[in-house]
Amino acid sequence: MHNFQTYVLVKSFHIVLLSLFICFTYAQKPQSDALSIQLKPVNSKGISTQEVSIPIVTIDSSNTVDIKAEFWDNVNFNPYRNEIVKFPFEVKFEDSTYHSPISREKVITSRYGWRRGRPHKGIDIDLITGDSVSTILSGVVRFARYSRGLGKVVVVRHYNGLETAYAHLSRINVKVNDTVAKGQFIGKGGNTGRSTGSHLHLITSYKGQYIHPEYIFDFSEENKIRAKDLWVTKEWTRASFHSSRRKSKLELYTTEKQALASLVKTRKIYVVKSGDTLSRISKRNNVSIAAICKTNRIRKSSTLRIGQKLVLEL
């Protein structure tokens, strides 16, 4: 009995020493991919020394950000409705690429901009009902339910504060508060809500401000994020400055100085009234007819429609 108690005490002592050794080694060498630990026999008869390798798992520091701390709302699509955002604002990225939301070629059928008298606050990507839809960046699911107009939609908040929404889904395969990895399957494409055909309606926003998705992401096969540091002006958050039928001329602002310099020209939205002509609009707003035509991509001979919106650079 005495020998057995001694053996237990010695064994326990070795276990404590082993634990201390592991902690000390990890503290001294956190950059290693694994810890190598030598296990020696307790008894005097001797068994050959064995080496055990324990892998070290490195935690992505970006995932430690508490993105649910503010405006975490699982019921309202846009919880920032009453929040005032100061322009220009900055959006930073850790990655240089994103994961395509669909597995097939990305064909944009309708762009961010003014469409049929109302703002189209995202882009439409062609797909077939039942196609898998994936999140383009890692994050946490904030919203996953049916929303009027958007149909079945999933909103993912990413660790830099950006949110991406995937609308008109036929099926949702995630729940609110789920942590999702870049490229993770979140649902099936479809035609739910206010939609005239199966497609993915992709929305990008930051603190409630809708951002032109093509300002942030290159929707070619390269799946590139335009820049790791982007400054967003009102120009890229207002659908009225763009047309859903054509690709917008891209001018990236990667510094605050560039973004502020772009604000020198003030843009105004003018709604065409009965009796208006380009000449009359030009005189009333002190803007040349040539400038109006260039900004709005119309000809001097173009017929104006009542209610038509024109962008005037003052």
C-alpha atoms as a PDB file:
ATOM      1  CA  MET A   1       0.000   0.000   0.000  1.00  0.00           C
ATOM      2  CA  HIS A   2       2.867   2.350   0.915  1.00  0.00           C
ATOM      3  CA  ASN A   3       4.548   1.751  -2.469  1.00  0.00           C
ATOM      4  CA  PHE A   4       1.278   2.402  -4.319  1.00  0.00           C
ATOM      5  CA  GLN A   5       0.722   5.744  -2.522  1.00  0.00           C
ATOM      6  CA  THR A   6       4.284   6.751  -3.323  1.00  0.00           C
ATOM      7  CA  TYR A   7       3.730   5.875  -6.980  1.00  0.00           C
ATOM      8  CA  VAL A   8       0.542   7.972  -7.098  1.00  0.00           C
ATOM      9  CA  LEU A   9       2.302  10.968  -5.532  1.00  0.00           C
ATOM     10  CA  VAL A  10       5.232  10.728  -7.953  1.00  0.00           C
ATOM     11  CA  LYS A  11       2.855  10.340 -10.903  1.00  0.00           C
ATOM     12  CA  SER A  12       0.842  13.396  -9.824  1.00  0.00           C
ATOM     13  CA  PHE A  13       4.044  15.404  -9.395  1.00  0.00           C
ATOM     14  CA  HIS A  14       5.113  14.516 -12.942  1.00  0.00           C
ATOM     15  CA  ILE A  15       1.718  15.554 -14.325  1.00  0.00           C
ATOM     16  CA  VAL A  16       2.017  18.968 -12.592  1.00  0.00           C
ATOM     17  CA  LEU A  17       5.522  19.430 -13.970  1.00  0.00           C
ATOM     18  CA  LEU A  18       4.330  18.470 -17.435  1.00  0.00           C
ATOM     19  CA  SER A  19       1.510  21.040 -17.276  1.00  0.00           C
ATOM     20  CA  LEU A  20       3.878  23.776 -16.144  1.00  0.00           C
ATOM     21  CA  PHE A  21       6.291  22.853 -18.932  1.00  0.00           C
ATOM     22  CA  ILE A  22       3.539  23.140 -21.551  1.00  0.00           C
ATOM     23  CA  CYS A  23       2.423  26.551 -20.288  1.00  0.00           C
ATOM     24  CA  PHE A  24       5.987  27.864 -20.104  1.00  0.00           C
ATOM     25  CA  THR A  25       6.896  26.578 -23.564  1.00  0.00           C
ATOM     26  CA  TYR A  26       3.740  28.088 -25.112  1.00  0.00           C
ATOM     27  CA  ALA A  27       4.450  31.454 -23.486  1.00  0.00           C
ATOM     28  CA  GLN A  28       8.016  31.426 -24.766  1.00  0.00           C
ATOM     29  CA  LYS A  29       7.251  30.251 -28.301  1.00  0.00           C
ATOM     30  CA  PRO A  30       3.761  31.396 -29.396  1.00  0.00           C
ATOM     31  CA  GLN A  31       4.946  31.687 -32.983  1.00  0.00           C
ATOM     32  CA  SER A  32       5.489  27.920 -33.322  1.00  0.00           C
ATOM     33  CA  ASP A  33       3.099  25.726 -35.225  1.00  0.00           C
ATOM     34  CA  ALA A  34       3.345  22.966 -32.614  1.00  0.00           C
ATOM     35  CA  LEU A  35       4.761  22.138 -29.179  1.00  0.00           C
ATOM     36  CA  SER A  36       7.193  19.220 -28.878  1.00  0.00           C
ATOM     37  CA  ILE A  37       7.004  17.559 -25.437  1.00  0.00           C
ATOM     38  CA  GLN A  38       9.260  14.731 -24.224  1.00  0.00           C
ATOM     39  CA  LEU A  39       7.580  12.196 -21.962  1.00  0.00           C
ATOM     40  CA  LYS A  40       9.960  10.279 -19.666  1.00  0.00           C
ATOM     41  CA  PRO A  41       9.085   7.083 -17.765  1.00  0.00           C
ATOM     42  CA  VAL A  42       8.245   7.262 -14.058  1.00  0.00           C
ATOM     43  CA  ASN A  43       9.525   3.834 -13.084  1.00  0.00           C
ATOM     44  CA  SER A  44      13.192   2.916 -12.902  1.00  0.00           C
ATOM     45  CA  LYS A  45      12.979   0.049 -15.394  1.00  0.00           C
ATOM     46  CA  GLY A  46      12.946   2.574 -18.199  1.00  0.00           C
ATOM     47  CA  ILE A  47      11.049   2.868 -21.458  1.00  0.00           C
ATOM     48  CA  SER A  48      12.454   4.793 -24.396  1.00  0.00           C
ATOM     49  CA  THR A  49      11.675   8.508 -24.283  1.00  0.00           C
ATOM     50  CA  GLN A  50       8.686   9.502 -26.438  1.00  0.00           C
ATOM     51  CA  GLU A  51       8.108  12.887 -28.074  1.00  0.00           C
ATOM     52  CA  VAL A  52       4.549  14.173 -28.471  1.00  0.00           C
ATOM     53  CA  SER A  53       3.701  17.039 -30.836  1.00  0.00           C
ATOM     54  CA  ILE A  54       0.723  19.214 -29.909  1.00  0.00           C
ATOM     55  CA  PRO A  55      -0.482  21.623 -32.646  1.00  0.00           C
ATOM     56  CA  ILE A  56      -1.104  25.248 -31.742  1.00  0.00           C
ATOM     57  CA  VAL A  57      -4.276  26.806 -33.139  1.00  0.00           C
ATOM     58  CA  THR A  58      -3.926  30.489 -33.991  1.00  0.00           C
ATOM     59  CA  ILE A  59      -7.078  32.546 -33.526  1.00  0.00           C
ATOM     60  CA  ASP A  60      -7.841  35.159 -36.196  1.00  0.00           C
ATOM     61  CA  SER A  61      -7.705  38.459 -34.317  1.00  0.00           C
ATOM     62  CA  SER A  62     -10.338  40.022 -36.622  1.00  0.00           C
ATOM     63  CA  ASN A  63     -12.911  37.559 -35.330  1.00  0.00           C
ATOM     64  CA  THR A  64     -12.449  38.865 -31.785  1.00  0.00           C
ATOM     65  CA  VAL A  65     -14.143  42.156 -32.709  1.00  0.00           C
ATOM     66  CA  ASP A  66     -17.587  42.402 -31.107  1.00  0.00           C
ATOM     67  CA  ILE A  67     -19.616  43.375 -34.160  1.00  0.00           C
ATOM     68  CA  LYS A  68     -22.850  42.756 -32.246  1.00  0.00           C
ATOM     69  CA  ALA A  69     -22.170  45.519 -29.729  1.00  0.00           C
ATOM     70  CA  GLU A  70     -24.193  48.197 -31.516  1.00  0.00           C
ATOM     71  CA  PHE A  71     -27.393  48.211 -33.606  1.00  0.00           C
ATOM     72  CA  TRP A  72     -27.677  44.424 -33.551  1.00  0.00           C
ATOM     73  CA  ASP A  73     -31.242  43.979 -34.772  1.00  0.00           C
ATOM     74  CA  ASN A  74     -32.605  40.650 -36.013  1.00  0.00           C
ATOM     75  CA  VAL A  75     -36.055  42.026 -36.913  1.00  0.00           C
ATOM     76  CA  ASN A  76     -35.467  45.208 -38.904  1.00  0.00           C
ATOM     77  CA  PHE A  77     -33.570  45.017 -42.193  1.00  0.00           C
ATOM     78  CA  ASN A  78     -31.927  48.417 -41.585  1.00  0.00           C
ATOM     79  CA  PRO A  79     -31.369  49.146 -37.873  1.00  0.00           C
ATOM     80  CA  TYR A  80     -29.495  52.382 -38.687  1.00  0.00           C
ATOM     81  CA  ARG A  81     -32.540  54.273 -39.997  1.00  0.00           C
ATOM     82  CA  ASN A  82     -32.079  57.210 -37.612  1.00  0.00           C
ATOM     83  CA  GLU A  83     -28.281  57.164 -37.535  1.00  0.00           C
ATOM     84  CA  ILE A  84     -26.436  60.130 -39.071  1.00  0.00           C
ATOM     85  CA  VAL A  85     -23.255  59.229 -40.949  1.00  0.00           C
ATOM     86  CA  LYS A  86     -20.581  61.812 -41.649  1.00  0.00           C
ATOM     87  CA  PHE A  87     -19.152  61.829 -45.181  1.00  0.00           C
ATOM     88  CA  PRO A  88     -16.690  60.769 -46.383  1.00  0.00           C
ATOM     89  CA  PHE A  89     -16.344  57.616 -44.288  1.00  0.00           C
ATOM     90  CA  GLU A  90     -13.708  54.890 -44.350  1.00  0.00           C
ATOM     91  CA  VAL A  91     -14.129  51.141 -44.883  1.00  0.00           C
ATOM     92  CA  LYS A  92     -11.105  48.901 -44.296  1.00  0.00           C
ATOM     93  CA  PHE A  93     -10.505  45.317 -45.397  1.00  0.00           C
ATOM     94  CA  GLU A  94      -8.150  42.618 -44.119  1.00  0.00           C
ATOM     95  CA  ASP A  95      -8.485  40.550 -47.296  1.00  0.00           C
ATOM     96  CA  SER A  96      -7.573  41.491 -50.841  1.00  0.00           C
ATOM     97  CA  THR A  97     -10.110  39.086 -52.373  1.00  0.00           C
ATOM     98  CA  TYR A  98     -13.677  38.005 -51.685  1.00  0.00           C
ATOM     99  CA  HIS A  99     -15.504  34.747 -52.357  1.00  0.00           C
ATOM    100  CA  SER A 100     -17.958  34.740 -55.241  1.00  0.00           C
ATOM    101  CA  PRO A 101     -21.566  34.565 -53.967  1.00  0.00           C
ATOM    102  CA  ILE A 102     -22.414  32.039 -56.725  1.00  0.00           C
ATOM    103  CA  SER A 103     -20.508  29.154 -58.277  1.00  0.00           C
ATOM    104  CA  ARG A 104     -21.234  30.113 -61.887  1.00  0.00           C
ATOM    105  CA  GLU A 105     -19.998  33.108 -63.886  1.00  0.00           C
ATOM    106  CA  LYS A 106     -21.146  36.409 -62.377  1.00  0.00           C
ATOM    107  CA  VAL A 107     -23.403  38.095 -64.951  1.00  0.00           C
ATOM    108  CA  ILE A 108     -24.842  41.418 -63.754  1.00  0.00           C
ATOM    109  CA  THR A 109     -28.294  41.937 -65.251  1.00  0.00           C
ATOM    110  CA  SER A 110     -29.120  45.217 -63.481  1.00  0.00           C
ATOM    111  CA  ARG A 111     -26.741  47.606 -61.775  1.00  0.00           C
ATOM    112  CA  TYR A 112     -26.895  49.930 -58.791  1.00  0.00           C
ATOM    113  CA  GLY A 113     -28.633  53.155 -59.805  1.00  0.00           C
ATOM    114  CA  TRP A 114     -31.875  54.816 -60.862  1.00  0.00           C
ATOM    115  CA  ARG A 115     -34.306  52.359 -62.428  1.00  0.00           C
ATOM    116  CA  ARG A 116     -37.866  52.907 -63.608  1.00  0.00           C
ATOM    117  CA  GLY A 117     -38.365  55.978 -61.421  1.00  0.00           C
ATOM    118  CA  ARG A 118     -37.000  54.472 -58.212  1.00  0.00           C
ATOM    119  CA  PRO A 119     -33.592  53.672 -56.677  1.00  0.00           C
ATOM    120  CA  HIS A 120     -32.130  50.206 -57.258  1.00  0.00           C
ATOM    121  CA  LYS A 121     -29.887  49.877 -54.189  1.00  0.00           C
ATOM    122  CA  GLY A 122     -27.905  46.814 -55.205  1.00  0.00           C
ATOM    123  CA  ILE A 123     -26.912  44.717 -58.187  1.00  0.00           C
ATOM    124  CA  ASP A 124     -28.723  41.765 -59.727  1.00  0.00           C
ATOM    125  CA  ILE A 125     -26.606  38.701 -60.499  1.00  0.00           C
ATOM    126  CA  ASP A 126     -28.094  36.061 -62.765  1.00  0.00           C
ATOM    127  CA  LEU A 127     -28.657  32.558 -61.393  1.00  0.00           C
ATOM    128  CA  ILE A 128     -31.024  29.599 -61.605  1.00  0.00           C
ATOM    129  CA  THR A 129     -33.464  28.879 -58.774  1.00  0.00           C
ATOM    130  CA  GLY A 130     -31.797  26.370 -56.468  1.00  0.00           C
ATOM    131  CA  ASP A 131     -28.236  27.556 -57.103  1.00  0.00           C
ATOM    132  CA  SER A 132     -26.118  27.733 -53.953  1.00  0.00           C
ATOM    133  CA  VAL A 133     -25.417  31.195 -52.537  1.00  0.00           C
ATOM    134  CA  SER A 134     -22.358  31.844 -50.343  1.00  0.00           C
ATOM    135  CA  THR A 135     -21.277  34.733 -48.149  1.00  0.00           C
ATOM    136  CA  ILE A 136     -18.497  36.771 -49.743  1.00  0.00           C
ATOM    137  CA  LEU A 137     -16.670  37.523 -46.463  1.00  0.00           C
ATOM    138  CA  SER A 138     -16.614  36.111 -42.939  1.00  0.00           C
ATOM    139  CA  GLY A 139     -18.995  37.542 -40.372  1.00  0.00           C
ATOM    140  CA  VAL A 140     -22.126  36.962 -38.304  1.00  0.00           C
ATOM    141  CA  VAL A 141     -25.690  36.579 -39.586  1.00  0.00           C
ATOM    142  CA  ARG A 142     -27.724  39.560 -38.361  1.00  0.00           C
ATOM    143  CA  PHE A 143     -30.930  39.033 -40.318  1.00  0.00           C
ATOM    144  CA  ALA A 144     -32.363  35.868 -41.889  1.00  0.00           C
ATOM    145  CA  ARG A 145     -36.063  36.006 -42.722  1.00  0.00           C
ATOM    146  CA  TYR A 146     -38.665  37.130 -45.249  1.00  0.00           C
ATOM    147  CA  SER A 147     -38.715  40.863 -45.941  1.00  0.00           C
ATOM    148  CA  ARG A 148     -41.306  42.625 -48.076  1.00  0.00           C
ATOM    149  CA  GLY A 149     -39.907  43.338 -51.513  1.00  0.00           C
ATOM    150  CA  LEU A 150     -36.649  41.474 -50.919  1.00  0.00           C
ATOM    151  CA  GLY A 151     -38.300  38.118 -50.268  1.00  0.00           C
ATOM    152  CA  LYS A 152     -36.204  35.647 -48.299  1.00  0.00           C
ATOM    153  CA  VAL A 153     -33.029  37.510 -47.435  1.00  0.00           C
ATOM    154  CA  VAL A 154     -29.874  36.960 -45.380  1.00  0.00           C
ATOM    155  CA  VAL A 155     -27.836  39.872 -44.018  1.00  0.00           C
ATOM    156  CA  VAL A 156     -24.276  39.210 -42.844  1.00  0.00           C
ATOM    157  CA  ARG A 157     -22.373  41.785 -40.833  1.00  0.00           C
ATOM    158  CA  HIS A 158     -18.643  41.539 -41.428  1.00  0.00           C
ATOM    159  CA  TYR A 159     -15.843  42.342 -38.998  1.00  0.00           C
ATOM    160  CA  ASN A 160     -15.077  45.718 -40.601  1.00  0.00           C
ATOM    161  CA  GLY A 161     -18.681  46.900 -40.120  1.00  0.00           C
ATOM    162  CA  LEU A 162     -19.736  46.347 -43.728  1.00  0.00           C
ATOM    163  CA  GLU A 163     -22.967  44.411 -44.275  1.00  0.00           C
ATOM    164  CA  THR A 164     -23.888  42.325 -47.313  1.00  0.00           C
ATOM    165  CA  ALA A 165     -27.452  41.227 -48.049  1.00  0.00           C
ATOM    166  CA  TYR A 166     -28.470  38.306 -50.278  1.00  0.00           C
ATOM    167  CA  ALA A 167     -32.076  38.709 -51.425  1.00  0.00           C
ATOM    168  CA  HIS A 168     -34.800  36.831 -53.361  1.00  0.00           C
ATOM    169  CA  LEU A 169     -33.582  33.472 -51.994  1.00  0.00           C
ATOM    170  CA  SER A 170     -35.760  30.395 -52.346  1.00  0.00           C
ATOM    171  CA  ARG A 171     -34.348  28.904 -49.150  1.00  0.00           C
ATOM    172  CA  ILE A 172     -32.433  30.206 -46.118  1.00  0.00           C
ATOM    173  CA  ASN A 173     -29.920  27.796 -44.570  1.00  0.00           C
ATOM    174  CA  VAL A 174     -28.552  29.881 -41.689  1.00  0.00           C
ATOM    175  CA  LYS A 175     -29.953  31.378 -38.493  1.00  0.00           C
ATOM    176  CA  VAL A 176     -29.450  34.767 -36.890  1.00  0.00           C
ATOM    177  CA  ASN A 177     -26.309  34.969 -34.744  1.00  0.00           C
ATOM    178  CA  ASP A 178     -24.631  32.185 -36.743  1.00  0.00           C
ATOM    179  CA  THR A 179     -20.930  32.831 -37.365  1.00  0.00           C
ATOM    180  CA  VAL A 180     -20.167  32.207 -41.029  1.00  0.00           C
ATOM    181  CA  ALA A 181     -16.840  31.853 -42.805  1.00  0.00           C
ATOM    182  CA  LYS A 182     -15.889  33.419 -46.112  1.00  0.00           C
ATOM    183  CA  GLY A 183     -17.424  31.290 -48.868  1.00  0.00           C
ATOM    184  CA  GLN A 184     -19.838  29.450 -46.551  1.00  0.00           C
ATOM    185  CA  PHE A 185     -23.162  28.248 -47.983  1.00  0.00           C
ATOM    186  CA  ILE A 186     -26.039  30.384 -46.647  1.00  0.00           C
ATOM    187  CA  GLY A 187     -28.989  29.570 -48.888  1.00  0.00           C
ATOM    188  CA  LYS A 188     -30.451  28.801 -52.299  1.00  0.00           C
ATOM    189  CA  GLY A 189     -31.059  31.375 -55.017  1.00  0.00           C
ATOM    190  CA  GLY A 190     -34.596  32.042 -56.132  1.00  0.00           C
ATOM    191  CA  ASN A 191     -37.314  34.497 -57.085  1.00  0.00           C
ATOM    192  CA  THR A 192     -39.111  35.429 -53.840  1.00  0.00           C
ATOM    193  CA  GLY A 193     -40.373  38.925 -53.041  1.00  0.00           C
ATOM    194  CA  ARG A 194     -40.764  41.638 -55.650  1.00  0.00           C
ATOM    195  CA  SER A 195     -38.853  40.020 -58.483  1.00  0.00           C
ATOM    196  CA  THR A 196     -39.492  39.389 -62.180  1.00  0.00           C
ATOM    197  CA  GLY A 197     -37.155  36.417 -62.504  1.00  0.00           C
ATOM    198  CA  SER A 198     -34.666  34.280 -60.597  1.00  0.00           C
ATOM    199  CA  HIS A 199     -31.560  36.242 -59.612  1.00  0.00           C
ATOM    200  CA  LEU A 200     -29.474  37.237 -56.625  1.00  0.00           C
ATOM    201  CA  HIS A 201     -30.002  40.807 -55.457  1.00  0.00           C
ATOM    202  CA  LEU A 202     -26.753  41.714 -53.678  1.00  0.00           C
ATOM    203  CA  ILE A 203     -26.697  44.760 -51.399  1.00  0.00           C
ATOM    204  CA  THR A 204     -23.673  46.301 -49.676  1.00  0.00           C
ATOM    205  CA  SER A 205     -24.082  48.836 -46.880  1.00  0.00           C
ATOM    206  CA  TYR A 206     -22.206  50.457 -44.021  1.00  0.00           C
ATOM    207  CA  LYS A 207     -24.100  51.724 -40.976  1.00  0.00           C
ATOM    208  CA  GLY A 208     -27.274  51.930 -43.036  1.00  0.00           C
ATOM    209  CA  GLN A 209     -25.697  53.715 -46.006  1.00  0.00           C
ATOM    210  CA  TYR A 210     -26.150  51.712 -49.197  1.00  0.00           C
ATOM    211  CA  ILE A 211     -22.913  51.597 -51.201  1.00  0.00           C
ATOM    212  CA  HIS A 212     -22.522  50.886 -54.913  1.00  0.00           C
ATOM    213  CA  PRO A 213     -21.251  47.246 -54.778  1.00  0.00           C
ATOM    214  CA  GLU A 214     -18.997  47.774 -57.812  1.00  0.00           C
ATOM    215  CA  TYR A 215     -17.181  50.558 -55.973  1.00  0.00           C
ATOM    216  CA  ILE A 216     -16.036  47.967 -53.418  1.00  0.00           C
ATOM    217  CA  PHE A 217     -15.827  44.700 -55.355  1.00  0.00           C
ATOM    218  CA  ASP A 218     -14.557  43.764 -58.799  1.00  0.00           C
ATOM    219  CA  PHE A 219     -17.124  41.307 -60.140  1.00  0.00           C
ATOM    220  CA  SER A 220     -14.755  39.694 -62.635  1.00  0.00           C
ATOM    221  CA  GLU A 221     -13.297  36.193 -62.296  1.00  0.00           C
ATOM    222  CA  GLU A 222     -10.488  37.575 -60.108  1.00  0.00           C
ATOM    223  CA  ASN A 223     -12.854  38.320 -57.194  1.00  0.00           C
ATOM    224  CA  LYS A 224     -10.754  41.268 -56.062  1.00  0.00           C
ATOM    225  CA  ILE A 225     -11.606  43.808 -53.393  1.00  0.00           C
ATOM    226  CA  ARG A 226     -10.897  47.179 -55.029  1.00  0.00           C
ATOM    227  CA  ALA A 227      -8.628  48.401 -52.213  1.00  0.00           C
ATOM    228  CA  LYS A 228      -7.873  47.525 -48.607  1.00  0.00           C
ATOM    229  CA  ASP A 229      -8.680  51.095 -47.577  1.00  0.00           C
ATOM    230  CA  LEU A 230     -11.640  52.829 -49.251  1.00  0.00           C
ATOM    231  CA  TRP A 231     -13.187  56.227 -48.572  1.00  0.00           C
ATOM    232  CA  VAL A 232     -16.858  56.490 -49.485  1.00  0.00           C
ATOM    233  CA  THR A 233     -18.508  59.741 -50.582  1.00  0.00           C
ATOM    234  CA  LYS A 234     -22.208  60.484 -51.185  1.00  0.00           C
ATOM    235  CA  GLU A 235     -21.569  59.923 -54.874  1.00  0.00           C
ATOM    236  CA  TRP A 236     -21.254  56.181 -54.167  1.00  0.00           C
ATOM    237  CA  THR A 237     -24.215  55.974 -51.782  1.00  0.00           C
ATOM    238  CA  ARG A 238     -26.868  57.693 -53.902  1.00  0.00           C
ATOM    239  CA  ALA A 239     -28.592  55.643 -56.598  1.00  0.00           C
ATOM    240  CA  SER A 240     -29.716  58.853 -58.313  1.00  0.00           C
ATOM    241  CA  PHE A 241     -26.099  59.494 -59.379  1.00  0.00           C
ATOM    242  CA  HIS A 242     -25.989  56.238 -61.357  1.00  0.00           C
ATOM    243  CA  SER A 243     -27.938  54.327 -63.986  1.00  0.00           C
ATOM    244  CA  SER A 244     -28.920  50.704 -63.496  1.00  0.00           C
ATOM    245  CA  ARG A 245     -28.478  50.150 -67.254  1.00  0.00           C
ATOM    246  CA  ARG A 246     -24.787  51.000 -67.521  1.00  0.00           C
ATOM    247  CA  LYS A 247     -21.529  50.554 -65.644  1.00  0.00           C
ATOM    248  CA  SER A 248     -20.557  53.631 -63.645  1.00  0.00           C
ATOM    249  CA  LYS A 249     -17.253  55.335 -64.302  1.00  0.00           C
ATOM    250  CA  LEU A 250     -15.074  54.192 -61.431  1.00  0.00           C
ATOM    251  CA  GLU A 251     -12.919  56.591 -59.444  1.00  0.00           C
ATOM    252  CA  LEU A 252     -11.566  55.099 -56.223  1.00  0.00           C
ATOM    253  CA  TYR A 253     -10.763  57.237 -53.193  1.00  0.00           C
ATOM    254  CA  THR A 254      -8.138  55.442 -51.114  1.00  0.00           C
ATOM    255  CA  THR A 255      -7.269  58.413 -48.885  1.00  0.00           C
ATOM    256  CA  GLU A 256      -9.356  60.966 -47.033  1.00  0.00           C
ATOM    257  CA  LYS A 257      -7.590  63.729 -48.957  1.00  0.00           C
ATOM    258  CA  GLN A 258      -8.761  62.287 -52.292  1.00  0.00           C
ATOM    259  CA  ALA A 259     -12.319  61.891 -51.001  1.00  0.00           C
ATOM    260  CA  LEU A 260     -12.464  65.473 -49.711  1.00  0.00           C
ATOM    261  CA  ALA A 261     -11.037  66.817 -52.968  1.00  0.00           C
ATOM    262  CA  SER A 262     -13.853  65.112 -54.870  1.00  0.00           C
ATOM    263  CA  LEU A 263     -16.407  67.097 -52.871  1.00  0.00           C
ATOM    264  CA  VAL A 264     -15.346  70.417 -54.374  1.00  0.00           C
ATOM    265  CA  LYS A 265     -18.113  70.063 -56.938  1.00  0.00           C
ATOM    266  CA  THR A 266     -21.573  69.990 -55.397  1.00  0.00           C
ATOM    267  CA  ARG A 267     -24.130  67.787 -57.066  1.00  0.00           C
ATOM    268  CA  LYS A 268     -27.804  68.583 -57.162  1.00  0.00           C
ATOM    269  CA  ILE A 269     -30.698  66.457 -58.344  1.00  0.00           C
ATOM    270  CA  TYR A 270     -33.112  68.415 -60.513  1.00  0.00           C
ATOM    271  CA  VAL A 271     -36.564  67.035 -61.310  1.00  0.00           C
ATOM    272  CA  VAL A 272     -37.826  68.042 -64.755  1.00  0.00           C
ATOM    273  CA  LYS A 273     -41.076  70.025 -64.659  1.00  0.00           C
ATOM    274  CA  SER A 274     -43.672  70.831 -67.283  1.00  0.00           C
ATOM    275  CA  GLY A 275     -42.272  73.302 -69.839  1.00  0.00           C
ATOM    276  CA  ASP A 276     -38.637  72.683 -68.912  1.00  0.00           C
ATOM    277  CA  THR A 277     -35.948  72.660 -71.591  1.00  0.00           C
ATOM    278  CA  LEU A 278     -32.206  72.160 -71.329  1.00  0.00           C
ATOM    279  CA  SER A 279     -31.748  75.851 -72.033  1.00  0.00           C
ATOM    280  CA  ARG A 280     -34.132  76.902 -69.256  1.00  0.00           C
ATOM    281  CA  ILE A 281     -32.597  74.474 -66.736  1.00  0.00           C
ATOM    282  CA  SER A 282     -29.137  75.679 -67.711  1.00  0.00           C
ATOM    283  CA  LYS A 283     -29.971  79.355 -67.109  1.00  0.00           C
ATOM    284  CA  ARG A 284     -31.843  78.793 -63.852  1.00  0.00           C
ATOM    285  CA  ASN A 285     -29.045  76.725 -62.295  1.00  0.00           C
ATOM    286  CA  ASN A 286     -26.043  78.463 -63.880  1.00  0.00           C
ATOM    287  CA  VAL A 287     -24.812  75.225 -65.470  1.00  0.00           C
ATOM    288  CA  SER A 288     -23.901  74.880 -69.136  1.00  0.00           C
ATOM    289  CA  ILE A 289     -26.001  72.681 -71.407  1.00  0.00           C
ATOM    290  CA  ALA A 290     -22.824  70.796 -72.354  1.00  0.00           C
ATOM    291  CA  ALA A 291     -22.107  70.024 -68.689  1.00  0.00           C
ATOM    292  CA  ILE A 292     -25.679  68.797 -68.122  1.00  0.00           C
ATOM    293  CA  CYS A 293     -25.452  66.525 -71.155  1.00  0.00           C
ATOM    294  CA  LYS A 294     -22.036  65.156 -70.179  1.00  0.00           C
ATOM    295  CA  THR A 295     -22.996  64.420 -66.560  1.00  0.00           C
ATOM    296  CA  ASN A 296     -26.279  62.739 -67.517  1.00  0.00           C
ATOM    297  CA  ARG A 297     -25.013  61.137 -70.736  1.00  0.00           C
ATOM    298  CA  ILE A 298     -27.710  62.661 -72.897  1.00  0.00           C
ATOM    299  CA  ARG A 299     -27.659  64.656 -76.153  1.00  0.00           C
ATOM    300  CA  LYS A 300     -28.661  68.289 -76.664  1.00  0.00           C
ATOM    301  CA  SER A 301     -31.480  67.002 -78.838  1.00  0.00           C
ATOM    302  CA  SER A 302     -32.748  64.554 -76.188  1.00  0.00           C
ATOM    303  CA  THR A 303     -36.402  64.895 -75.202  1.00  0.00           C
ATOM    304  CA  LEU A 304     -36.912  65.613 -71.502  1.00  0.00           C
ATOM    305  CA  ARG A 305     -39.679  63.825 -69.594  1.00  0.00           C
ATOM    306  CA  ILE A 306     -41.695  65.309 -66.750  1.00  0.00           C
ATOM    307  CA  GLY A 307     -40.384  63.755 -63.525  1.00  0.00           C
ATOM    308  CA  GLN A 308     -37.046  62.854 -65.084  1.00  0.00           C
ATOM    309  CA  LYS A 309     -34.123  63.359 -62.695  1.00  0.00           C
ATOM    310  CA  LEU A 310     -31.036  65.221 -63.875  1.00  0.00           C
ATOM    311  CA  VAL A 311     -27.741  65.468 -61.983  1.00  0.00           C
ATOM    312  CA  LEU A 312     -26.395  69.027 -61.977  1.00  0.00           C
ATOM    313  CA  GLU A 313     -22.774  69.667 -60.978  1.00  0.00           C
ATOM    314  CA  LEU A 314     -22.622  73.162 -59.466  1.00  0.00           C
END
